[in-house]
Amino acid sequence: MQSHSRSRSSCNIWLRMLKGADWRSTDDILNIFGSADSIGNGTDRIIFNIGGNNYRVICTYYFGKRYVHLYINWIGTHSEYSELCKNNQQFTIENY
């Protein structure tokens, strides 16, 4: 995140929204974050658009008995995400 310090305030807003989340399904995540998308391809990954679509955060999610567990896999700019997609790396990247 230090390499993208301009995204700090947007990420803080995103983190505050996560703290109060009560999600039981992927649809719950997508309903709260309308610009989020499920990456698909057999993965439990979701992409969040942050800072007016300037930044992207790829997360893996797991629904436990009482809580959803969200793990950050990658953070970068929209153009960096486009480069990942050209190489289909959005499904496997673990660079956080």
Protein backbone atom coordinates (compact mmCIF):
# COMPACT_ATOMS: atom_id res chain seq x y z
CA MET A 1 0.00 0.00 0.00
CA GLN A 2 2.95 2.33 0.53
CA SER A 3 3.63 2.35 -3.19
CA HIS A 4 0.06 3.66 -3.66
CA SER A 5 -0.13 6.15 -0.80
CA ARG A 6 -2.74 8.26 -2.62
CA SER A 7 -5.20 5.40 -2.12
CA ARG A 8 -4.93 5.52 1.69
CA SER A 9 -8.14 7.47 2.42
CA SER A 10 -10.18 5.35 -0.01
CA CYS A 11 -8.82 2.17 1.55
CA ASN A 12 -9.65 3.41 5.03
CA ILE A 13 -13.27 3.97 3.97
CA TRP A 14 -13.35 0.46 2.48
CA LEU A 15 -11.92 -1.02 5.70
CA ARG A 16 -14.53 0.77 7.83
CA MET A 17 -17.27 -0.73 5.67
CA LEU A 18 -15.76 -4.19 6.13
CA LYS A 19 -15.75 -3.94 9.92
CA GLY A 20 -19.53 -3.78 10.15
CA ALA A 21 -20.20 -6.39 7.50
CA ASP A 22 -22.62 -9.22 8.18
CA TRP A 23 -22.32 -11.32 5.05
CA ARG A 24 -23.63 -14.82 4.59
CA SER A 25 -23.15 -15.15 0.83
CA THR A 26 -21.29 -13.66 -2.11
CA ASP A 27 -24.50 -11.85 -3.05
CA ASP A 28 -24.35 -10.00 0.30
CA ILE A 29 -20.88 -8.71 -0.57
CA LEU A 30 -21.98 -7.63 -4.04
CA ASN A 31 -25.07 -5.88 -2.65
CA ILE A 32 -22.98 -3.75 -0.27
CA PHE A 33 -20.22 -3.05 -2.80
CA GLY A 34 -22.09 -2.50 -6.05
CA SER A 35 -18.88 -2.07 -8.04
CA ALA A 36 -17.35 -5.33 -6.73
CA ASP A 37 -17.24 -8.36 -9.00
CA SER A 38 -16.79 -12.05 -8.42
CA ILE A 39 -13.71 -13.15 -10.35
CA GLY A 40 -15.12 -16.61 -10.98
CA ASN A 41 -13.21 -19.34 -12.82
CA GLY A 42 -13.80 -21.69 -9.88
CA THR A 43 -12.19 -19.35 -7.34
CA ASP A 44 -13.57 -17.76 -4.19
CA ARG A 45 -12.15 -14.39 -5.19
CA ILE A 46 -13.74 -11.01 -5.46
CA ILE A 47 -12.39 -7.77 -6.88
CA PHE A 48 -13.19 -4.50 -5.13
CA ASN A 49 -13.01 -1.16 -6.98
CA ILE A 50 -11.68 1.50 -4.63
CA GLY A 51 -11.12 5.23 -4.94
CA GLY A 52 -13.47 5.93 -7.81
CA ASN A 53 -12.30 2.85 -9.71
CA ASN A 54 -8.66 4.00 -9.57
CA TYR A 55 -7.53 1.07 -7.44
CA ARG A 56 -8.38 -2.62 -7.28
CA VAL A 57 -8.20 -5.07 -4.39
CA ILE A 58 -8.39 -8.82 -5.02
CA CYS A 59 -9.59 -10.80 -2.02
CA THR A 60 -10.32 -14.42 -1.27
CA TYR A 61 -13.36 -15.05 0.93
CA TYR A 62 -14.46 -17.93 3.09
CA PHE A 63 -17.79 -18.13 4.91
CA GLY A 64 -17.31 -19.65 8.34
CA LYS A 65 -20.01 -20.62 10.83
CA ARG A 66 -20.21 -17.15 12.34
CA TYR A 67 -18.11 -14.83 10.20
CA VAL A 68 -16.88 -14.26 6.70
CA HIS A 69 -13.10 -14.35 6.40
CA LEU A 70 -11.65 -12.01 3.80
CA TYR A 71 -7.99 -12.28 2.77
CA ILE A 72 -6.27 -9.67 0.63
CA ASN A 73 -4.38 -11.26 -2.27
CA TRP A 74 -3.35 -8.15 -4.18
CA ILE A 75 -3.70 -4.34 -4.24
CA GLY A 76 -2.89 -2.12 -7.20
CA THR A 77 -4.07 0.42 -9.72
CA HIS A 78 -6.72 -0.19 -12.32
CA SER A 79 -4.06 -0.33 -15.06
CA GLU A 80 -1.95 -2.80 -13.05
CA TYR A 81 -5.05 -4.97 -12.66
CA SER A 82 -5.62 -4.86 -16.41
CA GLU A 83 -2.09 -6.20 -16.89
CA LEU A 84 -2.82 -9.06 -14.46
CA CYS A 85 -5.92 -9.93 -16.44
CA LYS A 86 -4.01 -10.04 -19.73
CA ASN A 87 -2.00 -12.92 -18.23
CA ASN A 88 -4.91 -14.49 -16.26
CA GLN A 89 -3.00 -13.83 -13.02
CA GLN A 90 -6.06 -12.46 -11.20
CA PHE A 91 -7.03 -16.05 -10.39
CA THR A 92 -3.77 -17.01 -8.71
CA ILE A 93 -1.84 -13.94 -7.59
CA GLU A 94 -0.73 -13.92 -3.95
CA ASN A 95 1.30 -10.72 -3.83
CA TYR A 96 0.36 -8.94 -0.63
